[in-house]
N, C-alpha and C. Protein backbone atom coordinates (compact mmCIF):
# COMPACT_ATOMS: atom_id res chain seq x y z
N MET A 1 -17.63 59.30 -20.81
CA MET A 1 -17.22 58.26 -21.73
C MET A 1 -16.74 57.05 -20.95
N SER A 2 -17.11 55.87 -21.36
CA SER A 2 -16.71 54.66 -20.67
C SER A 2 -15.24 54.37 -20.94
N GLU A 3 -14.70 53.38 -20.22
CA GLU A 3 -13.29 53.05 -20.34
C GLU A 3 -13.04 51.87 -21.27
N SER A 4 -14.03 51.39 -21.96
CA SER A 4 -13.86 50.28 -22.89
C SER A 4 -13.03 50.74 -24.08
N THR A 5 -12.38 49.78 -24.73
CA THR A 5 -11.65 50.10 -25.96
C THR A 5 -12.44 49.65 -27.17
N CYS A 6 -13.69 49.31 -26.98
CA CYS A 6 -14.54 48.81 -28.05
C CYS A 6 -15.69 49.81 -28.28
N PRO A 7 -15.73 50.44 -29.45
CA PRO A 7 -16.79 51.43 -29.71
C PRO A 7 -18.20 50.88 -29.56
N LEU A 8 -18.42 49.61 -29.90
CA LEU A 8 -19.77 49.05 -29.79
C LEU A 8 -20.20 48.89 -28.33
N ILE A 9 -19.26 48.54 -27.47
CA ILE A 9 -19.58 48.45 -26.04
C ILE A 9 -19.72 49.85 -25.45
N ASP A 10 -18.84 50.77 -25.88
CA ASP A 10 -18.97 52.16 -25.44
C ASP A 10 -20.36 52.70 -25.76
N ARG A 11 -20.88 52.37 -26.93
CA ARG A 11 -22.21 52.83 -27.34
C ARG A 11 -23.28 52.35 -26.36
N LEU A 12 -23.17 51.11 -25.92
CA LEU A 12 -24.16 50.58 -24.98
C LEU A 12 -24.19 51.41 -23.70
N GLU A 13 -23.01 51.78 -23.23
CA GLU A 13 -22.92 52.55 -21.99
C GLU A 13 -23.22 54.03 -22.20
N ASP A 14 -22.62 54.61 -23.23
CA ASP A 14 -22.69 56.06 -23.40
C ASP A 14 -23.97 56.55 -24.07
N GLU A 15 -24.45 55.83 -25.07
CA GLU A 15 -25.64 56.27 -25.79
C GLU A 15 -26.92 55.62 -25.28
N LEU A 16 -26.83 54.34 -24.93
CA LEU A 16 -28.03 53.62 -24.49
C LEU A 16 -28.15 53.55 -22.97
N ASN A 17 -27.15 54.08 -22.28
CA ASN A 17 -27.16 54.20 -20.82
C ASN A 17 -27.24 52.87 -20.08
N TYR A 18 -26.62 51.83 -20.64
CA TYR A 18 -26.52 50.58 -19.90
C TYR A 18 -25.53 50.81 -18.76
N PRO A 19 -25.91 50.46 -17.54
CA PRO A 19 -24.97 50.66 -16.43
C PRO A 19 -23.80 49.68 -16.50
N SER A 20 -22.69 50.11 -15.95
CA SER A 20 -21.51 49.26 -15.80
C SER A 20 -21.51 48.75 -14.36
N LEU A 21 -21.47 47.43 -14.22
CA LEU A 21 -21.54 46.83 -12.88
C LEU A 21 -20.21 46.21 -12.50
N ASP A 22 -19.91 46.31 -11.20
CA ASP A 22 -18.74 45.65 -10.64
C ASP A 22 -19.14 45.03 -9.31
N LEU A 23 -18.18 44.52 -8.58
CA LEU A 23 -18.50 43.85 -7.31
C LEU A 23 -19.18 44.79 -6.32
N SER A 24 -18.94 46.08 -6.43
CA SER A 24 -19.51 47.02 -5.45
C SER A 24 -20.97 47.37 -5.70
N ASN A 25 -21.47 47.17 -6.93
CA ASN A 25 -22.85 47.62 -7.20
C ASN A 25 -23.75 46.57 -7.85
N ILE A 26 -23.24 45.39 -8.14
CA ILE A 26 -24.05 44.41 -8.86
C ILE A 26 -25.24 43.93 -8.03
N ASP A 27 -25.04 43.67 -6.75
CA ASP A 27 -26.14 43.15 -5.93
C ASP A 27 -27.28 44.17 -5.81
N ASP A 28 -26.93 45.44 -5.67
CA ASP A 28 -27.95 46.49 -5.60
C ASP A 28 -28.73 46.56 -6.91
N PHE A 29 -28.02 46.51 -8.03
CA PHE A 29 -28.67 46.53 -9.35
C PHE A 29 -29.63 45.36 -9.49
N LEU A 30 -29.18 44.16 -9.14
CA LEU A 30 -30.02 42.97 -9.30
C LEU A 30 -31.26 43.04 -8.43
N SER A 31 -31.11 43.54 -7.21
CA SER A 31 -32.27 43.60 -6.30
C SER A 31 -33.33 44.59 -6.78
N LYS A 32 -32.95 45.53 -7.62
CA LYS A 32 -33.88 46.55 -8.10
C LYS A 32 -34.53 46.21 -9.44
N ASN A 33 -34.16 45.09 -10.03
CA ASN A 33 -34.67 44.74 -11.36
C ASN A 33 -35.25 43.33 -11.35
N LYS A 34 -36.51 43.21 -11.78
CA LYS A 34 -37.18 41.91 -11.83
C LYS A 34 -36.41 40.93 -12.71
N HIS A 35 -36.12 41.32 -13.94
CA HIS A 35 -35.33 40.49 -14.86
C HIS A 35 -34.20 41.34 -15.42
N SER A 36 -32.99 40.80 -15.38
CA SER A 36 -31.86 41.51 -15.95
C SER A 36 -30.99 40.56 -16.75
N VAL A 37 -30.21 41.16 -17.64
CA VAL A 37 -29.23 40.41 -18.42
C VAL A 37 -27.89 41.11 -18.25
N LEU A 38 -26.90 40.34 -17.84
CA LEU A 38 -25.56 40.85 -17.58
C LEU A 38 -24.66 40.46 -18.74
N PHE A 39 -24.06 41.45 -19.39
CA PHE A 39 -23.21 41.22 -20.55
C PHE A 39 -21.75 41.16 -20.11
N PHE A 40 -21.19 39.96 -20.17
CA PHE A 40 -19.77 39.73 -19.89
C PHE A 40 -19.04 39.77 -21.23
N THR A 41 -18.27 40.81 -21.45
CA THR A 41 -17.68 41.06 -22.76
C THR A 41 -16.32 40.41 -22.98
N GLU A 42 -15.52 40.33 -21.92
CA GLU A 42 -14.10 39.99 -22.03
C GLU A 42 -13.45 40.96 -22.99
N ASP A 43 -12.36 40.61 -23.60
CA ASP A 43 -11.63 41.50 -24.51
C ASP A 43 -12.18 41.32 -25.92
N ALA A 44 -12.82 42.35 -26.44
CA ALA A 44 -13.43 42.26 -27.77
C ALA A 44 -12.40 42.02 -28.87
N LYS A 45 -11.16 42.34 -28.62
CA LYS A 45 -10.10 42.07 -29.60
C LYS A 45 -9.78 40.57 -29.64
N ARG A 46 -9.90 39.90 -28.52
CA ARG A 46 -9.64 38.46 -28.44
C ARG A 46 -10.88 37.64 -28.79
N PHE A 47 -12.04 38.16 -28.45
CA PHE A 47 -13.30 37.45 -28.66
C PHE A 47 -14.17 38.29 -29.58
N ALA A 48 -14.03 38.07 -30.88
CA ALA A 48 -14.71 38.89 -31.88
C ALA A 48 -16.23 38.85 -31.74
N GLU A 49 -16.77 37.74 -31.23
CA GLU A 49 -18.23 37.64 -31.08
C GLU A 49 -18.78 38.66 -30.09
N THR A 50 -17.91 39.22 -29.25
CA THR A 50 -18.35 40.26 -28.32
C THR A 50 -18.97 41.42 -29.09
N ASN A 51 -18.37 41.82 -30.20
CA ASN A 51 -18.92 42.90 -31.01
C ASN A 51 -20.29 42.53 -31.57
N ASP A 52 -20.44 41.27 -32.00
CA ASP A 52 -21.73 40.83 -32.53
C ASP A 52 -22.81 40.89 -31.45
N VAL A 53 -22.48 40.42 -30.26
CA VAL A 53 -23.46 40.45 -29.16
C VAL A 53 -23.79 41.90 -28.79
N ALA A 54 -22.79 42.78 -28.83
CA ALA A 54 -23.03 44.20 -28.53
C ALA A 54 -24.01 44.83 -29.51
N VAL A 55 -24.04 44.35 -30.73
CA VAL A 55 -24.98 44.85 -31.73
C VAL A 55 -26.37 44.26 -31.52
N VAL A 56 -26.43 42.98 -31.18
CA VAL A 56 -27.70 42.27 -31.04
C VAL A 56 -28.42 42.62 -29.73
N LEU A 57 -27.68 42.86 -28.67
CA LEU A 57 -28.29 43.05 -27.35
C LEU A 57 -29.37 44.13 -27.32
N PRO A 58 -29.16 45.32 -27.87
CA PRO A 58 -30.25 46.32 -27.85
C PRO A 58 -31.51 45.85 -28.59
N GLU A 59 -31.31 45.06 -29.64
CA GLU A 59 -32.46 44.52 -30.37
C GLU A 59 -33.22 43.52 -29.51
N LEU A 60 -32.48 42.71 -28.75
CA LEU A 60 -33.13 41.76 -27.84
C LEU A 60 -33.92 42.50 -26.76
N ILE A 61 -33.35 43.57 -26.25
CA ILE A 61 -34.03 44.36 -25.22
C ILE A 61 -35.32 44.96 -25.78
N SER A 62 -35.32 45.32 -27.05
CA SER A 62 -36.55 45.87 -27.64
C SER A 62 -37.65 44.82 -27.76
N VAL A 63 -37.26 43.55 -27.91
CA VAL A 63 -38.24 42.46 -27.98
C VAL A 63 -38.69 42.04 -26.58
N PHE A 64 -37.78 42.14 -25.60
CA PHE A 64 -38.08 41.76 -24.21
C PHE A 64 -37.91 43.01 -23.33
N PRO A 65 -38.87 43.95 -23.37
CA PRO A 65 -38.70 45.23 -22.68
C PRO A 65 -38.65 45.12 -21.16
N GLY A 66 -39.08 44.00 -20.59
CA GLY A 66 -38.98 43.82 -19.14
C GLY A 66 -37.61 43.37 -18.69
N LEU A 67 -36.70 43.21 -19.62
CA LEU A 67 -35.34 42.75 -19.34
C LEU A 67 -34.43 43.97 -19.26
N THR A 68 -33.76 44.15 -18.13
CA THR A 68 -32.88 45.31 -17.93
C THR A 68 -31.43 44.89 -18.16
N PRO A 69 -30.75 45.52 -19.11
CA PRO A 69 -29.37 45.14 -19.43
C PRO A 69 -28.33 45.89 -18.60
N ALA A 70 -27.17 45.27 -18.45
CA ALA A 70 -26.02 45.91 -17.82
C ALA A 70 -24.75 45.29 -18.38
N ILE A 71 -23.67 46.04 -18.33
CA ILE A 71 -22.36 45.59 -18.77
C ILE A 71 -21.52 45.30 -17.53
N ILE A 72 -20.86 44.17 -17.51
CA ILE A 72 -19.98 43.85 -16.38
C ILE A 72 -18.62 44.49 -16.62
N ALA A 73 -18.14 45.23 -15.63
CA ALA A 73 -16.85 45.92 -15.73
C ALA A 73 -15.73 44.90 -15.90
N ARG A 74 -14.84 45.19 -16.81
CA ARG A 74 -13.75 44.26 -17.13
C ARG A 74 -12.94 43.85 -15.90
N GLU A 75 -12.69 44.78 -14.99
CA GLU A 75 -11.83 44.46 -13.85
C GLU A 75 -12.43 43.42 -12.90
N ASP A 76 -13.74 43.22 -12.95
CA ASP A 76 -14.38 42.23 -12.06
C ASP A 76 -15.00 41.06 -12.81
N GLU A 77 -14.80 40.99 -14.12
CA GLU A 77 -15.42 39.92 -14.91
C GLU A 77 -15.02 38.52 -14.45
N LYS A 78 -13.74 38.30 -14.22
CA LYS A 78 -13.28 36.96 -13.86
C LYS A 78 -13.85 36.53 -12.51
N LYS A 79 -13.90 37.45 -11.56
CA LYS A 79 -14.46 37.12 -10.24
C LYS A 79 -15.94 36.79 -10.36
N LEU A 80 -16.66 37.58 -11.15
CA LEU A 80 -18.09 37.34 -11.31
C LEU A 80 -18.37 36.13 -12.20
N GLN A 81 -17.46 35.83 -13.11
CA GLN A 81 -17.60 34.63 -13.94
C GLN A 81 -17.71 33.40 -13.05
N SER A 82 -16.90 33.32 -12.02
CA SER A 82 -16.94 32.15 -11.14
C SER A 82 -18.26 32.07 -10.38
N ARG A 83 -18.89 33.19 -10.14
CA ARG A 83 -20.19 33.21 -9.46
C ARG A 83 -21.28 32.57 -10.33
N TYR A 84 -21.17 32.78 -11.65
CA TYR A 84 -22.22 32.34 -12.56
C TYR A 84 -21.87 31.11 -13.38
N GLY A 85 -20.66 30.63 -13.30
CA GLY A 85 -20.30 29.31 -13.80
C GLY A 85 -20.27 29.10 -15.30
N PHE A 86 -20.03 30.12 -16.10
CA PHE A 86 -19.92 29.90 -17.54
C PHE A 86 -18.44 29.81 -17.93
N LEU A 87 -18.18 29.17 -19.05
CA LEU A 87 -16.80 28.94 -19.48
C LEU A 87 -16.42 29.66 -20.76
N SER A 88 -17.39 30.13 -21.54
CA SER A 88 -17.12 30.74 -22.84
C SER A 88 -17.46 32.23 -22.82
N TRP A 89 -16.79 32.96 -23.69
CA TRP A 89 -16.99 34.40 -23.82
C TRP A 89 -17.44 34.71 -25.24
N PRO A 90 -18.19 35.75 -25.42
CA PRO A 90 -18.91 36.57 -24.46
C PRO A 90 -20.09 35.80 -23.87
N ALA A 91 -20.65 36.34 -22.79
CA ALA A 91 -21.76 35.66 -22.13
C ALA A 91 -22.85 36.66 -21.74
N LEU A 92 -24.08 36.21 -21.88
CA LEU A 92 -25.25 36.93 -21.37
C LEU A 92 -25.81 36.10 -20.23
N VAL A 93 -25.75 36.64 -19.02
CA VAL A 93 -26.24 35.95 -17.83
C VAL A 93 -27.60 36.54 -17.47
N PHE A 94 -28.60 35.69 -17.37
CA PHE A 94 -29.97 36.12 -17.10
C PHE A 94 -30.30 35.90 -15.63
N MET A 95 -30.89 36.93 -15.02
CA MET A 95 -31.19 36.90 -13.60
C MET A 95 -32.64 37.29 -13.35
N ARG A 96 -33.23 36.74 -12.30
CA ARG A 96 -34.52 37.20 -11.77
C ARG A 96 -34.19 37.75 -10.39
N GLU A 97 -34.18 39.05 -10.30
CA GLU A 97 -33.67 39.76 -9.13
C GLU A 97 -32.27 39.20 -8.85
N GLN A 98 -32.02 38.66 -7.67
CA GLN A 98 -30.67 38.17 -7.37
C GLN A 98 -30.52 36.66 -7.61
N GLN A 99 -31.49 36.08 -8.27
CA GLN A 99 -31.47 34.63 -8.51
C GLN A 99 -31.09 34.34 -9.96
N TYR A 100 -30.20 33.39 -10.13
CA TYR A 100 -29.71 33.00 -11.45
C TYR A 100 -30.77 32.23 -12.23
N LEU A 101 -30.87 32.54 -13.52
CA LEU A 101 -31.77 31.80 -14.41
C LEU A 101 -30.98 30.92 -15.38
N ASP A 102 -30.12 31.53 -16.20
CA ASP A 102 -29.36 30.75 -17.19
C ASP A 102 -28.37 31.69 -17.88
N THR A 103 -27.54 31.11 -18.74
CA THR A 103 -26.54 31.86 -19.49
C THR A 103 -26.58 31.45 -20.96
N ILE A 104 -26.41 32.42 -21.84
CA ILE A 104 -26.21 32.16 -23.26
C ILE A 104 -24.83 32.68 -23.60
N THR A 105 -23.98 31.83 -24.18
CA THR A 105 -22.64 32.26 -24.54
C THR A 105 -22.48 32.33 -26.05
N GLY A 106 -21.58 33.20 -26.48
CA GLY A 106 -21.32 33.36 -27.91
C GLY A 106 -22.48 34.04 -28.61
N ILE A 107 -22.37 34.09 -29.92
CA ILE A 107 -23.44 34.67 -30.74
C ILE A 107 -24.36 33.55 -31.20
N GLN A 108 -25.64 33.84 -31.30
CA GLN A 108 -26.65 32.85 -31.70
C GLN A 108 -27.42 33.38 -32.90
N ASP A 109 -28.13 32.51 -33.57
CA ASP A 109 -29.08 32.94 -34.59
C ASP A 109 -30.22 33.67 -33.89
N TRP A 110 -30.82 34.64 -34.57
CA TRP A 110 -31.89 35.45 -33.99
C TRP A 110 -33.01 34.59 -33.41
N GLY A 111 -33.48 33.62 -34.18
CA GLY A 111 -34.56 32.76 -33.71
C GLY A 111 -34.18 31.98 -32.47
N GLU A 112 -32.92 31.55 -32.39
CA GLU A 112 -32.46 30.84 -31.20
C GLU A 112 -32.46 31.75 -29.99
N TYR A 113 -32.01 32.99 -30.16
CA TYR A 113 -32.07 33.95 -29.05
C TYR A 113 -33.50 34.09 -28.55
N LEU A 114 -34.43 34.32 -29.46
CA LEU A 114 -35.82 34.54 -29.05
C LEU A 114 -36.37 33.34 -28.31
N GLU A 115 -36.12 32.16 -28.84
CA GLU A 115 -36.61 30.93 -28.21
C GLU A 115 -35.96 30.71 -26.84
N GLN A 116 -34.65 30.87 -26.77
CA GLN A 116 -33.95 30.63 -25.51
C GLN A 116 -34.34 31.65 -24.44
N ILE A 117 -34.41 32.92 -24.81
CA ILE A 117 -34.73 33.95 -23.81
C ILE A 117 -36.16 33.79 -23.31
N LYS A 118 -37.09 33.48 -24.19
CA LYS A 118 -38.47 33.23 -23.77
C LYS A 118 -38.51 32.09 -22.75
N ARG A 119 -37.79 31.01 -23.04
CA ARG A 119 -37.73 29.87 -22.12
C ARG A 119 -37.07 30.27 -20.81
N ILE A 120 -35.96 30.98 -20.89
CA ILE A 120 -35.22 31.38 -19.69
C ILE A 120 -36.09 32.25 -18.78
N LEU A 121 -36.75 33.25 -19.34
CA LEU A 121 -37.54 34.17 -18.51
C LEU A 121 -38.75 33.52 -17.87
N SER A 122 -39.22 32.42 -18.43
CA SER A 122 -40.37 31.72 -17.83
C SER A 122 -39.94 30.55 -16.96
N SER A 123 -38.65 30.31 -16.84
CA SER A 123 -38.16 29.16 -16.07
C SER A 123 -38.01 29.50 -14.59
N GLU A 124 -37.86 28.45 -13.81
CA GLU A 124 -37.56 28.61 -12.39
C GLU A 124 -36.10 29.01 -12.24
N THR A 125 -35.79 29.67 -11.12
CA THR A 125 -34.39 29.99 -10.86
C THR A 125 -33.62 28.71 -10.58
N SER A 126 -32.32 28.77 -10.75
CA SER A 126 -31.49 27.59 -10.54
C SER A 126 -30.13 28.02 -10.01
N LYS A 127 -29.33 27.03 -9.69
CA LYS A 127 -27.96 27.32 -9.29
C LYS A 127 -27.10 27.32 -10.54
N PRO A 128 -26.16 28.26 -10.64
CA PRO A 128 -25.25 28.24 -11.79
C PRO A 128 -24.41 26.97 -11.77
N LYS A 129 -23.99 26.56 -12.95
CA LYS A 129 -23.08 25.43 -13.03
C LYS A 129 -21.76 25.83 -12.39
N ALA A 130 -21.18 24.92 -11.64
CA ALA A 130 -19.89 25.20 -11.02
C ALA A 130 -18.80 25.07 -12.07
N ILE A 131 -17.82 25.95 -11.96
CA ILE A 131 -16.64 25.81 -12.81
C ILE A 131 -15.73 24.84 -12.09
N GLY A 132 -15.62 23.66 -12.64
CA GLY A 132 -14.85 22.61 -11.98
C GLY A 132 -13.38 22.66 -12.33
N ILE A 133 -12.60 22.19 -11.41
CA ILE A 133 -11.18 22.01 -11.64
C ILE A 133 -10.95 20.52 -11.71
N PRO A 134 -10.43 20.02 -12.83
CA PRO A 134 -10.25 18.58 -12.95
C PRO A 134 -9.28 18.04 -11.90
N VAL A 135 -9.64 16.90 -11.36
CA VAL A 135 -8.79 16.24 -10.38
C VAL A 135 -8.11 15.08 -11.09
N VAL A 136 -6.79 15.04 -10.98
CA VAL A 136 -6.03 13.97 -11.62
C VAL A 136 -5.39 13.14 -10.52
N ASN A 137 -5.69 11.85 -10.55
CA ASN A 137 -5.07 10.95 -9.59
C ASN A 137 -3.71 10.55 -10.12
N GLY A 138 -2.70 10.70 -9.31
CA GLY A 138 -1.35 10.40 -9.78
C GLY A 138 -0.93 9.11 -9.35
């Protein structure tokens, strides 16, 4: 049984066998998968859309069977968030092997997911957006 406190996320890991990734195994996972989607959940109690994405993700995988899903372990989410440069939760980070493609945050309409993922998977790799720290001149 996984250590999540969210039954919908537990289902992804326990019933659908989505791996849980952390800093120790993410690079190995990415190198073994042509296309992957990393689910950054944050706290499902604070971010209710996490539950919605947990329901939609298996359906997306059925439409895009070449896409391998994984759940990012809560203890390393913040560290990995800075690697991929997104600011909103929950997030789906799309990768081509170890190269970044793009991120979709929050819940989307079904048609938007299909359109965005099709575009993402056919796009060139890119650098993630940097999470900037505002500089204030005093």
